[in-house]
């Protein structure tokens, strides 16, 4: 039998220690990868929840936008500048456009919103709903009629005011300018 030297036994001991250390490092790496895998799965769940939340928010937004679109369908978008035609030019059949450019006021928008929501209304109905004087409402309605935003119709002994369809405005717009 050959005798194994102390040096060889020491080398085996060192190798065994290295092997044990390597196995330990592999086990630690395996545990770390399991922890990271769990974190990744949790993040994927969180991402799924966020996506669902975004979908729900988008659905709510789209519904609100649809409802708002119905109200704005017959209105001029807030802050949009528009050319006005004078009543005399329109009644005379002249398609002239005045140089005046006006912005819609909050009161103008309030009247347009009321007419859009309720349909045709008399000046008295608008006066009561808005709380302004008869003269103020009369001037306001005259201005909106001049701007071709609303139309005045005779209904028996009184006049009613209604929003002009945006399709009609689009047809007149290019011809008037």
C-alpha atoms as a PDB file:
ATOM      1  CA  UNK A   1       0.000   0.000   0.000  1.00  0.00           C
ATOM      2  CA  UNK A   2       1.115   3.289  -0.822  1.00  0.00           C
ATOM      3  CA  UNK A   3       1.190   5.786   1.790  1.00  0.00           C
ATOM      4  CA  UNK A   4      -0.551   9.077   1.376  1.00  0.00           C
ATOM      5  CA  UNK A   5       1.557  11.947   2.493  1.00  0.00           C
ATOM      6  CA  UNK A   6       0.484  14.656   4.799  1.00  0.00           C
ATOM      7  CA  UNK A   7       0.781  17.113   2.006  1.00  0.00           C
ATOM      8  CA  UNK A   8      -1.669  15.143  -0.125  1.00  0.00           C
ATOM      9  CA  UNK A   9      -4.111  14.916   2.776  1.00  0.00           C
ATOM     10  CA  UNK A  10      -3.800  18.679   3.277  1.00  0.00           C
ATOM     11  CA  UNK A  11      -4.483  19.222  -0.403  1.00  0.00           C
ATOM     12  CA  UNK A  12      -7.625  17.097  -0.135  1.00  0.00           C
ATOM     13  CA  UNK A  13      -8.700  19.109   2.891  1.00  0.00           C
ATOM     14  CA  UNK A  14      -8.206  22.360   1.020  1.00  0.00           C
ATOM     15  CA  UNK A  15     -10.124  20.965  -1.944  1.00  0.00           C
ATOM     16  CA  UNK A  16     -12.915  19.777   0.343  1.00  0.00           C
ATOM     17  CA  UNK A  17     -13.091  23.234   1.969  1.00  0.00           C
ATOM     18  CA  UNK A  18     -13.162  24.901  -1.456  1.00  0.00           C
ATOM     19  CA  UNK A  19     -15.872  22.495  -2.550  1.00  0.00           C
ATOM     20  CA  UNK A  20     -17.914  23.213   0.591  1.00  0.00           C
ATOM     21  CA  UNK A  21     -17.474  26.974   0.075  1.00  0.00           C
ATOM     22  CA  UNK A  22     -18.512  26.675  -3.576  1.00  0.00           C
ATOM     23  CA  UNK A  23     -21.616  24.669  -2.592  1.00  0.00           C
ATOM     24  CA  UNK A  24     -22.431  27.328   0.023  1.00  0.00           C
ATOM     25  CA  UNK A  25     -22.078  30.139  -2.573  1.00  0.00           C
ATOM     26  CA  UNK A  26     -24.285  28.183  -4.999  1.00  0.00           C
ATOM     27  CA  UNK A  27     -26.939  27.773  -2.308  1.00  0.00           C
ATOM     28  CA  UNK A  28     -26.814  31.502  -1.464  1.00  0.00           C
ATOM     29  CA  UNK A  29     -27.048  32.375  -5.185  1.00  0.00           C
ATOM     30  CA  UNK A  30     -30.030  30.023  -5.511  1.00  0.00           C
ATOM     31  CA  UNK A  31     -31.783  31.681  -2.546  1.00  0.00           C
ATOM     32  CA  UNK A  32     -31.080  35.129  -3.990  1.00  0.00           C
ATOM     33  CA  UNK A  33     -32.518  34.104  -7.359  1.00  0.00           C
ATOM     34  CA  UNK A  34     -35.648  32.741  -5.618  1.00  0.00           C
ATOM     35  CA  UNK A  35     -36.058  36.045  -3.735  1.00  0.00           C
ATOM     36  CA  UNK A  36     -35.605  37.998  -6.965  1.00  0.00           C
ATOM     37  CA  UNK A  37     -38.099  35.724  -8.727  1.00  0.00           C
ATOM     38  CA  UNK A  38     -40.689  36.373  -6.000  1.00  0.00           C
ATOM     39  CA  UNK A  39     -40.071  40.130  -6.246  1.00  0.00           C
ATOM     40  CA  UNK A  40     -40.455  39.946 -10.010  1.00  0.00           C
ATOM     41  CA  UNK A  41     -43.759  38.074  -9.682  1.00  0.00           C
ATOM     42  CA  UNK A  42     -44.976  40.672  -7.160  1.00  0.00           C
ATOM     43  CA  UNK A  43     -43.977  43.443  -9.554  1.00  0.00           C
ATOM     44  CA  UNK A  44     -45.827  41.722 -12.391  1.00  0.00           C
ATOM     45  CA  UNK A  45     -48.942  41.562 -10.180  1.00  0.00           C
ATOM     46  CA  UNK A  46     -48.529  45.247  -9.328  1.00  0.00           C
ATOM     47  CA  UNK A  47     -48.131  46.093 -13.017  1.00  0.00           C
ATOM     48  CA  UNK A  48     -51.304  44.134 -13.767  1.00  0.00           C
ATOM     49  CA  UNK A  49     -53.173  46.093 -11.087  1.00  0.00           C
ATOM     50  CA  UNK A  50     -51.843  49.388 -12.459  1.00  0.00           C
ATOM     51  CA  UNK A  51     -52.855  48.412 -16.005  1.00  0.00           C
ATOM     52  CA  UNK A  52     -56.361  47.544 -14.797  1.00  0.00           C
ATOM     53  CA  UNK A  53     -56.566  50.856 -12.930  1.00  0.00           C
ATOM     54  CA  UNK A  54     -55.485  52.705 -16.062  1.00  0.00           C
ATOM     55  CA  UNK A  55     -58.076  50.811 -18.132  1.00  0.00           C
ATOM     56  CA  UNK A  56     -60.810  51.727 -15.652  1.00  0.00           C
ATOM     57  CA  UNK A  57     -59.675  55.371 -15.576  1.00  0.00           C
ATOM     58  CA  UNK A  58     -59.608  55.435 -19.362  1.00  0.00           C
ATOM     59  CA  UNK A  59     -63.133  53.992 -19.489  1.00  0.00           C
ATOM     60  CA  UNK A  60     -64.344  56.684 -17.080  1.00  0.00           C
ATOM     61  CA  UNK A  61     -62.523  59.354 -19.098  1.00  0.00           C
ATOM     62  CA  UNK A  62     -64.011  58.101 -22.371  1.00  0.00           C
ATOM     63  CA  UNK A  63     -67.525  58.091 -20.862  1.00  0.00           C
ATOM     64  CA  UNK A  64     -67.038  61.639 -19.550  1.00  0.00           C
ATOM     65  CA  UNK A  65     -65.642  62.725 -22.913  1.00  0.00           C
ATOM     66  CA  UNK A  66     -68.651  61.159 -24.688  1.00  0.00           C
ATOM     67  CA  UNK A  67     -71.078  62.995 -22.393  1.00  0.00           C
ATOM     68  CA  UNK A  68     -69.163  66.241 -22.746  1.00  0.00           C
ATOM     69  CA  UNK A  69     -69.114  65.820 -26.517  1.00  0.00           C
ATOM     70  CA  UNK A  70     -72.900  65.764 -26.561  1.00  0.00           C
ATOM     71  CA  UNK A  71     -73.027  69.104 -24.762  1.00  0.00           C
ATOM     72  CA  UNK A  72     -70.285  70.665 -26.866  1.00  0.00           C
ATOM     73  CA  UNK A  73     -71.619  69.338 -30.157  1.00  0.00           C
ATOM     74  CA  UNK A  74     -73.721  72.476 -30.663  1.00  0.00           C
ATOM     75  CA  UNK A  75     -71.349  74.912 -29.006  1.00  0.00           C
ATOM     76  CA  UNK A  76     -68.254  76.823 -29.964  1.00  0.00           C
ATOM     77  CA  UNK A  77     -65.224  75.525 -28.092  1.00  0.00           C
ATOM     78  CA  UNK A  78     -64.195  77.758 -25.158  1.00  0.00           C
ATOM     79  CA  UNK A  79     -61.871  80.552 -26.130  1.00  0.00           C
ATOM     80  CA  UNK A  80     -62.205  80.026 -29.877  1.00  0.00           C
ATOM     81  CA  UNK A  81     -62.163  83.288 -31.736  1.00  0.00           C
ATOM     82  CA  UNK A  82     -64.823  83.790 -34.318  1.00  0.00           C
ATOM     83  CA  UNK A  83     -65.729  86.300 -36.984  1.00  0.00           C
ATOM     84  CA  UNK A  84     -69.049  88.013 -36.625  1.00  0.00           C
ATOM     85  CA  UNK A  85     -71.428  89.085 -39.325  1.00  0.00           C
ATOM     86  CA  UNK A  86     -73.600  92.073 -38.732  1.00  0.00           C
ATOM     87  CA  UNK A  87     -77.351  91.566 -38.685  1.00  0.00           C
ATOM     88  CA  UNK A  88     -77.791  94.230 -41.380  1.00  0.00           C
ATOM     89  CA  UNK A  89     -75.348  92.462 -43.718  1.00  0.00           C
ATOM     90  CA  UNK A  90     -77.104  89.103 -43.166  1.00  0.00           C
ATOM     91  CA  UNK A  91     -80.594  90.547 -43.681  1.00  0.00           C
ATOM     92  CA  UNK A  92     -79.442  92.407 -46.779  1.00  0.00           C
ATOM     93  CA  UNK A  93     -78.172  89.158 -48.248  1.00  0.00           C
ATOM     94  CA  UNK A  94     -74.596  90.376 -48.200  1.00  0.00           C
ATOM     95  CA  UNK A  95     -72.103  87.752 -47.118  1.00  0.00           C
ATOM     96  CA  UNK A  96     -69.708  90.318 -45.673  1.00  0.00           C
ATOM     97  CA  UNK A  97     -67.771  89.562 -42.551  1.00  0.00           C
ATOM     98  CA  UNK A  98     -66.972  92.327 -40.135  1.00  0.00           C
ATOM     99  CA  UNK A  99     -63.439  92.806 -38.857  1.00  0.00           C
ATOM    100  CA  UNK A 100     -64.612  92.420 -35.292  1.00  0.00           C
ATOM    101  CA  UNK A 101     -63.228  89.388 -33.502  1.00  0.00           C
ATOM    102  CA  UNK A 102     -64.859  88.606 -30.210  1.00  0.00           C
ATOM    103  CA  UNK A 103     -64.240  86.119 -27.432  1.00  0.00           C
ATOM    104  CA  UNK A 104     -67.101  84.310 -25.773  1.00  0.00           C
ATOM    105  CA  UNK A 105     -67.737  85.486 -22.225  1.00  0.00           C
ATOM    106  CA  UNK A 106     -68.742  83.250 -19.342  1.00  0.00           C
ATOM    107  CA  UNK A 107     -72.295  84.584 -19.665  1.00  0.00           C
ATOM    108  CA  UNK A 108     -72.293  83.745 -23.411  1.00  0.00           C
ATOM    109  CA  UNK A 109     -71.212  80.201 -22.551  1.00  0.00           C
ATOM    110  CA  UNK A 110     -73.866  79.977 -19.842  1.00  0.00           C
ATOM    111  CA  UNK A 111     -76.592  80.891 -22.362  1.00  0.00           C
ATOM    112  CA  UNK A 112     -75.196  78.435 -24.919  1.00  0.00           C
ATOM    113  CA  UNK A 113     -75.068  75.689 -22.277  1.00  0.00           C
ATOM    114  CA  UNK A 114     -78.680  76.350 -21.266  1.00  0.00           C
ATOM    115  CA  UNK A 115     -79.883  76.303 -24.864  1.00  0.00           C
ATOM    116  CA  UNK A 116     -77.847  73.196 -25.614  1.00  0.00           C
ATOM    117  CA  UNK A 117     -79.184  71.355 -22.573  1.00  0.00           C
ATOM    118  CA  UNK A 118     -82.826  72.536 -22.721  1.00  0.00           C
ATOM    119  CA  UNK A 119     -83.490  73.201 -26.381  1.00  0.00           C
ATOM    120  CA  UNK A 120     -85.379  76.318 -27.530  1.00  0.00           C
ATOM    121  CA  UNK A 121     -86.030  78.878 -24.770  1.00  0.00           C
ATOM    122  CA  UNK A 122     -87.663  82.287 -24.643  1.00  0.00           C
ATOM    123  CA  UNK A 123     -85.751  85.368 -23.540  1.00  0.00           C
ATOM    124  CA  UNK A 124     -87.912  85.434 -20.392  1.00  0.00           C
ATOM    125  CA  UNK A 125     -86.920  81.838 -19.548  1.00  0.00           C
ATOM    126  CA  UNK A 126     -83.269  82.744 -19.998  1.00  0.00           C
ATOM    127  CA  UNK A 127     -83.721  85.908 -17.934  1.00  0.00           C
ATOM    128  CA  UNK A 128     -85.186  83.922 -15.040  1.00  0.00           C
ATOM    129  CA  UNK A 129     -82.544  81.147 -15.246  1.00  0.00           C
ATOM    130  CA  UNK A 130     -79.572  83.523 -15.468  1.00  0.00           C
ATOM    131  CA  UNK A 131     -80.843  86.281 -13.201  1.00  0.00           C
ATOM    132  CA  UNK A 132     -80.010  89.274 -15.407  1.00  0.00           C
ATOM    133  CA  UNK A 133     -82.242  92.126 -16.538  1.00  0.00           C
ATOM    134  CA  UNK A 134     -84.466  91.910 -19.613  1.00  0.00           C
ATOM    135  CA  UNK A 135     -82.293  94.499 -21.364  1.00  0.00           C
ATOM    136  CA  UNK A 136     -79.090  92.625 -20.575  1.00  0.00           C
ATOM    137  CA  UNK A 137     -80.496  89.343 -21.890  1.00  0.00           C
ATOM    138  CA  UNK A 138     -81.834  91.103 -25.000  1.00  0.00           C
ATOM    139  CA  UNK A 139     -78.396  92.589 -25.819  1.00  0.00           C
ATOM    140  CA  UNK A 140     -76.707  89.251 -25.134  1.00  0.00           C
ATOM    141  CA  UNK A 141     -79.119  87.297 -27.359  1.00  0.00           C
ATOM    142  CA  UNK A 142     -78.769  89.906 -30.119  1.00  0.00           C
ATOM    143  CA  UNK A 143     -74.992  89.535 -29.991  1.00  0.00           C
ATOM    144  CA  UNK A 144     -75.196  85.726 -30.153  1.00  0.00           C
ATOM    145  CA  UNK A 145     -77.657  85.931 -33.070  1.00  0.00           C
ATOM    146  CA  UNK A 146     -75.266  88.319 -34.873  1.00  0.00           C
ATOM    147  CA  UNK A 147     -72.448  85.838 -34.324  1.00  0.00           C
ATOM    148  CA  UNK A 148     -74.574  83.062 -35.858  1.00  0.00           C
ATOM    149  CA  UNK A 149     -74.327  80.980 -32.704  1.00  0.00           C
ATOM    150  CA  UNK A 150     -78.061  80.968 -32.012  1.00  0.00           C
ATOM    151  CA  UNK A 151     -81.162  81.566 -34.085  1.00  0.00           C
ATOM    152  CA  UNK A 152     -84.340  83.424 -33.238  1.00  0.00           C
ATOM    153  CA  UNK A 153     -87.645  81.790 -34.156  1.00  0.00           C
ATOM    154  CA  UNK A 154     -91.146  83.059 -33.730  1.00  0.00           C
ATOM    155  CA  UNK A 155     -93.329  80.771 -31.640  1.00  0.00           C
ATOM    156  CA  UNK A 156     -96.788  82.281 -31.474  1.00  0.00           C
ATOM    157  CA  UNK A 157     -96.496  85.754 -29.957  1.00  0.00           C
ATOM    158  CA  UNK A 158     -93.049  85.247 -28.524  1.00  0.00           C
ATOM    159  CA  UNK A 159     -89.604  84.506 -29.871  1.00  0.00           C
ATOM    160  CA  UNK A 160     -87.589  81.468 -28.914  1.00  0.00           C
ATOM    161  CA  UNK A 161     -83.848  81.066 -29.232  1.00  0.00           C
ATOM    162  CA  UNK A 162     -82.022  77.906 -30.163  1.00  0.00           C
ATOM    163  CA  UNK A 163     -78.470  76.784 -30.913  1.00  0.00           C
ATOM    164  CA  UNK A 164     -77.640  76.715 -34.616  1.00  0.00           C
ATOM    165  CA  UNK A 165     -76.400  73.281 -35.684  1.00  0.00           C
ATOM    166  CA  UNK A 166     -72.644  73.213 -36.130  1.00  0.00           C
ATOM    167  CA  UNK A 167     -73.137  71.626 -39.578  1.00  0.00           C
ATOM    168  CA  UNK A 168     -74.927  74.791 -40.715  1.00  0.00           C
ATOM    169  CA  UNK A 169     -72.099  76.941 -39.298  1.00  0.00           C
ATOM    170  CA  UNK A 170     -69.540  74.841 -41.177  1.00  0.00           C
ATOM    171  CA  UNK A 171     -71.450  75.274 -44.442  1.00  0.00           C
ATOM    172  CA  UNK A 172     -71.724  79.042 -44.006  1.00  0.00           C
ATOM    173  CA  UNK A 173     -68.226  79.529 -42.603  1.00  0.00           C
ATOM    174  CA  UNK A 174     -66.146  79.174 -45.805  1.00  0.00           C
ATOM    175  CA  UNK A 175     -68.661  81.088 -47.925  1.00  0.00           C
ATOM    176  CA  UNK A 176     -68.728  83.958 -45.439  1.00  0.00           C
ATOM    177  CA  UNK A 177     -64.971  84.399 -45.293  1.00  0.00           C
END
